[in-house]
Amino acid sequence: MSNLPNRPPKFRDDAGKQCTSKDLVIAGVIEERYSYLIALPYNLYLETNHWISLRDKRKEKDNHKCTRCGATEDLHVHHRTYRRFAHERLSDLKTLCHSCHERVHGGSFKKLP
């Protein structure tokens, strides 16, 4: 069973009001060309060129090793926060092996391709 989100996180402004992707574009939080990513289900987002490029950059920055145990096999890129989902910074992510990723999530989850 997966405990990864199947829906994108909800974005809220400082007053707690839910923001739309248009609100985020107007506020300059995300570029309009990436605004469609926010509405994608999580598993589809992970298949976008945007995510794949970001994931590969994070793995490269972490020397293709798990940042917890140093493993070099079965690597994942973990979202430390979903606050900037679809417009993540590299610092929002970290490379983990499957075992460490499961520990971080407090249980097992289905491995995504």
N, C-alpha and C. Protein backbone atom coordinates (compact mmCIF):
# COMPACT_ATOMS: atom_id res chain seq x y z
N MET A 1 0.84 -1.19 0.00
CA MET A 1 0.00 0.00 0.00
C MET A 1 0.88 1.24 0.00
N SER A 2 0.49 2.20 -0.76
CA SER A 2 1.28 3.42 -0.89
C SER A 2 0.82 4.47 0.11
N ASN A 3 1.80 5.13 0.75
CA ASN A 3 1.44 6.29 1.55
C ASN A 3 1.97 7.55 0.90
N LEU A 4 2.30 7.45 -0.40
CA LEU A 4 2.62 8.64 -1.17
C LEU A 4 1.31 9.34 -1.50
N PRO A 5 1.34 10.66 -1.62
CA PRO A 5 0.08 11.34 -1.94
C PRO A 5 -0.40 10.97 -3.33
N ASN A 6 -1.71 10.80 -3.48
CA ASN A 6 -2.24 10.53 -4.82
C ASN A 6 -2.85 11.79 -5.41
N ARG A 7 -2.88 12.83 -4.63
CA ARG A 7 -3.35 14.13 -5.10
C ARG A 7 -2.29 15.16 -4.76
N PRO A 8 -2.23 16.21 -5.57
CA PRO A 8 -1.26 17.25 -5.24
C PRO A 8 -1.65 17.93 -3.93
N PRO A 9 -0.67 18.45 -3.21
CA PRO A 9 -1.00 19.14 -1.96
C PRO A 9 -1.78 20.41 -2.24
N LYS A 10 -2.51 20.88 -1.25
CA LYS A 10 -3.25 22.12 -1.38
C LYS A 10 -2.34 23.27 -0.94
N PHE A 11 -2.36 24.35 -1.70
CA PHE A 11 -1.56 25.51 -1.38
C PHE A 11 -2.45 26.53 -0.71
N ARG A 12 -1.93 27.14 0.35
CA ARG A 12 -2.70 28.14 1.10
C ARG A 12 -1.88 29.41 1.24
N ASP A 13 -2.60 30.53 1.25
CA ASP A 13 -1.90 31.80 1.45
C ASP A 13 -1.70 32.02 2.95
N ASP A 14 -1.16 33.16 3.32
CA ASP A 14 -0.86 33.44 4.72
C ASP A 14 -2.11 33.48 5.60
N ALA A 15 -3.25 33.77 4.99
CA ALA A 15 -4.51 33.80 5.73
C ALA A 15 -5.18 32.43 5.80
N GLY A 16 -4.57 31.43 5.16
CA GLY A 16 -5.13 30.08 5.19
C GLY A 16 -6.08 29.77 4.05
N LYS A 17 -6.30 30.74 3.14
CA LYS A 17 -7.19 30.52 2.00
C LYS A 17 -6.47 29.67 0.96
N GLN A 18 -7.19 28.68 0.40
CA GLN A 18 -6.60 27.81 -0.60
C GLN A 18 -6.31 28.61 -1.87
N CYS A 19 -5.10 28.41 -2.42
CA CYS A 19 -4.67 29.10 -3.63
C CYS A 19 -4.87 28.20 -4.85
N THR A 20 -5.17 28.81 -5.95
CA THR A 20 -5.22 28.10 -7.22
C THR A 20 -3.87 28.27 -7.92
N SER A 21 -3.66 27.52 -8.99
CA SER A 21 -2.42 27.70 -9.73
C SER A 21 -2.35 29.11 -10.31
N LYS A 22 -3.50 29.69 -10.68
CA LYS A 22 -3.52 31.07 -11.20
C LYS A 22 -3.05 32.04 -10.12
N ASP A 23 -3.49 31.84 -8.88
CA ASP A 23 -3.05 32.69 -7.76
C ASP A 23 -1.53 32.63 -7.61
N LEU A 24 -0.98 31.43 -7.75
CA LEU A 24 0.46 31.25 -7.59
C LEU A 24 1.23 31.91 -8.72
N VAL A 25 0.68 31.89 -9.93
CA VAL A 25 1.32 32.56 -11.07
C VAL A 25 1.31 34.06 -10.84
N ILE A 26 0.15 34.59 -10.45
CA ILE A 26 0.01 36.04 -10.21
C ILE A 26 0.97 36.50 -9.12
N ALA A 27 1.13 35.68 -8.08
CA ALA A 27 2.02 36.04 -6.96
C ALA A 27 3.50 35.86 -7.31
N GLY A 28 3.76 35.28 -8.48
CA GLY A 28 5.14 35.08 -8.89
C GLY A 28 5.80 33.89 -8.23
N VAL A 29 5.01 33.00 -7.63
CA VAL A 29 5.54 31.82 -6.96
C VAL A 29 5.95 30.77 -7.98
N ILE A 30 5.19 30.67 -9.05
CA ILE A 30 5.46 29.67 -10.08
C ILE A 30 5.27 30.31 -11.45
N GLU A 31 6.07 29.89 -12.41
CA GLU A 31 5.93 30.40 -13.77
C GLU A 31 4.68 29.78 -14.40
N GLU A 32 4.01 30.57 -15.22
CA GLU A 32 2.77 30.11 -15.85
C GLU A 32 2.98 28.82 -16.63
N ARG A 33 4.13 28.65 -17.27
CA ARG A 33 4.35 27.45 -18.07
C ARG A 33 4.38 26.18 -17.22
N TYR A 34 4.56 26.30 -15.89
CA TYR A 34 4.56 25.14 -15.01
C TYR A 34 3.28 25.01 -14.20
N SER A 35 2.35 25.92 -14.36
CA SER A 35 1.16 25.93 -13.51
C SER A 35 0.31 24.67 -13.66
N TYR A 36 0.31 24.06 -14.84
CA TYR A 36 -0.48 22.84 -15.05
C TYR A 36 0.02 21.67 -14.19
N LEU A 37 1.29 21.71 -13.80
CA LEU A 37 1.86 20.61 -13.01
C LEU A 37 1.18 20.47 -11.64
N ILE A 38 0.75 21.60 -11.10
CA ILE A 38 0.16 21.60 -9.76
C ILE A 38 -1.11 20.75 -9.71
N ALA A 39 -1.86 20.70 -10.79
CA ALA A 39 -3.13 19.97 -10.80
C ALA A 39 -2.98 18.49 -11.11
N LEU A 40 -1.80 18.06 -11.51
CA LEU A 40 -1.61 16.65 -11.86
C LEU A 40 -1.64 15.75 -10.63
N PRO A 41 -2.20 14.56 -10.74
CA PRO A 41 -2.06 13.59 -9.66
C PRO A 41 -0.57 13.30 -9.46
N TYR A 42 -0.19 12.99 -8.25
CA TYR A 42 1.22 12.83 -7.88
C TYR A 42 1.94 11.84 -8.79
N ASN A 43 1.33 10.68 -9.04
CA ASN A 43 2.01 9.66 -9.86
C ASN A 43 2.25 10.15 -11.28
N LEU A 44 1.37 10.99 -11.83
CA LEU A 44 1.59 11.54 -13.17
C LEU A 44 2.65 12.64 -13.14
N TYR A 45 2.67 13.41 -12.07
CA TYR A 45 3.70 14.44 -11.93
C TYR A 45 5.10 13.80 -11.96
N LEU A 46 5.23 12.64 -11.32
CA LEU A 46 6.53 11.97 -11.28
C LEU A 46 6.99 11.47 -12.64
N GLU A 47 6.11 11.51 -13.64
CA GLU A 47 6.47 11.10 -14.99
C GLU A 47 6.79 12.28 -15.91
N THR A 48 6.67 13.50 -15.39
CA THR A 48 6.91 14.68 -16.24
C THR A 48 8.41 14.92 -16.43
N ASN A 49 8.75 15.53 -17.55
CA ASN A 49 10.14 15.89 -17.80
C ASN A 49 10.66 16.84 -16.72
N HIS A 50 9.78 17.71 -16.24
CA HIS A 50 10.16 18.66 -15.17
C HIS A 50 10.67 17.89 -13.95
N TRP A 51 9.88 16.92 -13.46
CA TRP A 51 10.27 16.15 -12.28
C TRP A 51 11.51 15.30 -12.56
N ILE A 52 11.54 14.64 -13.70
CA ILE A 52 12.67 13.75 -14.02
C ILE A 52 13.98 14.54 -14.03
N SER A 53 13.95 15.73 -14.61
CA SER A 53 15.14 16.57 -14.63
C SER A 53 15.56 16.98 -13.21
N LEU A 54 14.59 17.38 -12.41
CA LEU A 54 14.86 17.78 -11.03
C LEU A 54 15.38 16.60 -10.21
N ARG A 55 14.75 15.45 -10.37
CA ARG A 55 15.17 14.24 -9.67
C ARG A 55 16.61 13.88 -10.02
N ASP A 56 16.93 13.94 -11.30
CA ASP A 56 18.29 13.61 -11.72
C ASP A 56 19.32 14.60 -11.17
N LYS A 57 18.96 15.87 -11.11
CA LYS A 57 19.86 16.89 -10.54
C LYS A 57 20.12 16.61 -9.06
N ARG A 58 19.06 16.21 -8.32
CA ARG A 58 19.23 15.92 -6.90
C ARG A 58 20.13 14.71 -6.70
N LYS A 59 19.92 13.66 -7.48
CA LYS A 59 20.77 12.47 -7.37
C LYS A 59 22.22 12.83 -7.68
N GLU A 60 22.43 13.63 -8.70
CA GLU A 60 23.79 14.06 -9.04
C GLU A 60 24.42 14.83 -7.88
N LYS A 61 23.65 15.75 -7.32
CA LYS A 61 24.16 16.56 -6.19
C LYS A 61 24.52 15.68 -4.99
N ASP A 62 23.78 14.59 -4.81
CA ASP A 62 24.03 13.67 -3.70
C ASP A 62 24.99 12.54 -4.09
N ASN A 63 25.68 12.71 -5.21
CA ASN A 63 26.67 11.73 -5.69
C ASN A 63 26.08 10.34 -5.89
N HIS A 64 24.82 10.29 -6.26
CA HIS A 64 24.13 9.02 -6.53
C HIS A 64 24.27 8.05 -5.34
N LYS A 65 24.08 8.62 -4.12
CA LYS A 65 24.13 7.82 -2.89
C LYS A 65 22.98 8.23 -1.98
N CYS A 66 22.51 7.27 -1.20
CA CYS A 66 21.51 7.56 -0.18
C CYS A 66 22.14 8.49 0.85
N THR A 67 21.45 9.58 1.17
CA THR A 67 21.99 10.55 2.13
C THR A 67 21.92 10.06 3.57
N ARG A 68 21.24 8.95 3.80
CA ARG A 68 21.18 8.38 5.17
C ARG A 68 22.17 7.26 5.38
N CYS A 69 22.25 6.33 4.43
CA CYS A 69 23.09 5.14 4.66
C CYS A 69 24.23 4.98 3.65
N GLY A 70 24.21 5.77 2.59
CA GLY A 70 25.27 5.69 1.60
C GLY A 70 25.07 4.65 0.51
N ALA A 71 23.93 3.96 0.52
CA ALA A 71 23.66 2.94 -0.52
C ALA A 71 23.65 3.59 -1.90
N THR A 72 23.98 2.79 -2.90
CA THR A 72 24.01 3.31 -4.27
C THR A 72 23.00 2.61 -5.18
N GLU A 73 22.22 1.69 -4.64
CA GLU A 73 21.23 0.94 -5.42
C GLU A 73 19.82 1.37 -5.03
N ASP A 74 18.88 1.23 -5.96
CA ASP A 74 17.45 1.45 -5.72
C ASP A 74 17.19 2.82 -5.10
N LEU A 75 17.72 3.87 -5.74
CA LEU A 75 17.61 5.22 -5.19
C LEU A 75 16.31 5.90 -5.57
N HIS A 76 15.78 6.66 -4.65
CA HIS A 76 14.57 7.46 -4.82
C HIS A 76 14.94 8.90 -4.50
N VAL A 77 14.12 9.83 -4.93
CA VAL A 77 14.28 11.21 -4.48
C VAL A 77 13.04 11.56 -3.67
N HIS A 78 13.27 11.88 -2.42
CA HIS A 78 12.23 12.12 -1.43
C HIS A 78 11.93 13.61 -1.31
N HIS A 79 10.65 13.95 -1.28
CA HIS A 79 10.22 15.33 -1.01
C HIS A 79 10.32 15.56 0.50
N ARG A 80 11.17 16.44 0.92
CA ARG A 80 11.26 16.81 2.34
C ARG A 80 10.05 17.65 2.73
N THR A 81 9.49 18.37 1.76
CA THR A 81 8.30 19.18 1.96
C THR A 81 7.53 19.24 0.65
N TYR A 82 6.23 19.44 0.73
CA TYR A 82 5.41 19.63 -0.46
C TYR A 82 5.00 21.10 -0.60
N ARG A 83 5.61 21.95 0.21
CA ARG A 83 5.24 23.37 0.21
C ARG A 83 5.40 24.00 -1.17
N ARG A 84 6.43 23.59 -1.90
CA ARG A 84 6.66 24.15 -3.23
C ARG A 84 6.47 23.07 -4.30
N PHE A 85 5.50 22.19 -4.09
CA PHE A 85 5.21 21.11 -5.03
C PHE A 85 5.07 21.68 -6.44
N ALA A 86 5.73 21.04 -7.40
CA ALA A 86 5.74 21.41 -8.82
C ALA A 86 6.63 22.60 -9.12
N HIS A 87 7.18 23.21 -8.09
CA HIS A 87 8.20 24.23 -8.28
C HIS A 87 9.24 24.11 -7.16
N GLU A 88 9.60 22.85 -6.89
CA GLU A 88 10.52 22.51 -5.82
C GLU A 88 11.90 23.14 -6.02
N ARG A 89 12.56 23.37 -4.91
CA ARG A 89 13.98 23.70 -4.92
C ARG A 89 14.72 22.40 -4.66
N LEU A 90 15.97 22.33 -5.09
CA LEU A 90 16.75 21.12 -4.82
C LEU A 90 16.84 20.86 -3.33
N SER A 91 16.83 21.91 -2.52
CA SER A 91 16.90 21.74 -1.07
C SER A 91 15.62 21.14 -0.48
N ASP A 92 14.54 21.09 -1.26
CA ASP A 92 13.29 20.47 -0.81
C ASP A 92 13.34 18.95 -0.98
N LEU A 93 14.40 18.46 -1.59
CA LEU A 93 14.51 17.05 -1.96
C LEU A 93 15.76 16.44 -1.37
N LYS A 94 15.75 15.11 -1.22
CA LYS A 94 16.98 14.41 -0.87
C LYS A 94 16.92 12.99 -1.42
N THR A 95 18.09 12.45 -1.70
CA THR A 95 18.20 11.11 -2.27
C THR A 95 18.21 10.09 -1.14
N LEU A 96 17.36 9.08 -1.28
CA LEU A 96 17.27 7.99 -0.31
C LEU A 96 17.18 6.67 -1.05
N CYS A 97 17.72 5.62 -0.44
CA CYS A 97 17.49 4.28 -0.99
C CYS A 97 16.07 3.86 -0.60
N HIS A 98 15.59 2.81 -1.22
CA HIS A 98 14.22 2.36 -0.95
C HIS A 98 14.00 2.08 0.55
N SER A 99 14.94 1.39 1.18
CA SER A 99 14.78 1.05 2.61
C SER A 99 14.69 2.29 3.49
N CYS A 100 15.59 3.24 3.27
CA CYS A 100 15.56 4.47 4.07
C CYS A 100 14.32 5.30 3.77
N HIS A 101 13.87 5.27 2.51
CA HIS A 101 12.67 6.00 2.13
C HIS A 101 11.46 5.44 2.87
N GLU A 102 11.38 4.11 2.96
CA GLU A 102 10.29 3.49 3.72
C GLU A 102 10.35 3.91 5.18
N ARG A 103 11.54 3.94 5.76
CA ARG A 103 11.68 4.34 7.17
C ARG A 103 11.22 5.78 7.38
N VAL A 104 11.58 6.65 6.45
CA VAL A 104 11.18 8.06 6.56
C VAL A 104 9.66 8.18 6.53
N HIS A 105 9.01 7.36 5.72
CA HIS A 105 7.55 7.42 5.61
C HIS A 105 6.85 6.60 6.69
N GLY A 106 7.61 5.91 7.51
CA GLY A 106 7.01 5.14 8.61
C GLY A 106 6.31 3.87 8.17
N GLY A 107 6.72 3.30 7.09
CA GLY A 107 6.12 2.05 6.62
C GLY A 107 6.45 1.84 5.17
N SER A 108 5.89 0.80 4.62
CA SER A 108 6.21 0.49 3.23
C SER A 108 5.28 1.24 2.30
N PHE A 109 5.74 1.42 1.10
CA PHE A 109 4.92 1.99 0.06
C PHE A 109 5.28 1.32 -1.26
N LYS A 110 4.34 1.35 -2.17
CA LYS A 110 4.55 0.73 -3.46
C LYS A 110 5.64 1.48 -4.21
N LYS A 111 6.58 0.76 -4.73
CA LYS A 111 7.65 1.36 -5.50
C LYS A 111 7.10 1.84 -6.82
N LEU A 112 7.36 3.10 -7.13
CA LEU A 112 6.93 3.66 -8.41
C LEU A 112 8.01 3.44 -9.43
N PRO A 113 7.64 3.33 -10.70
CA PRO A 113 8.66 3.09 -11.74
C PRO A 113 9.62 4.27 -11.86
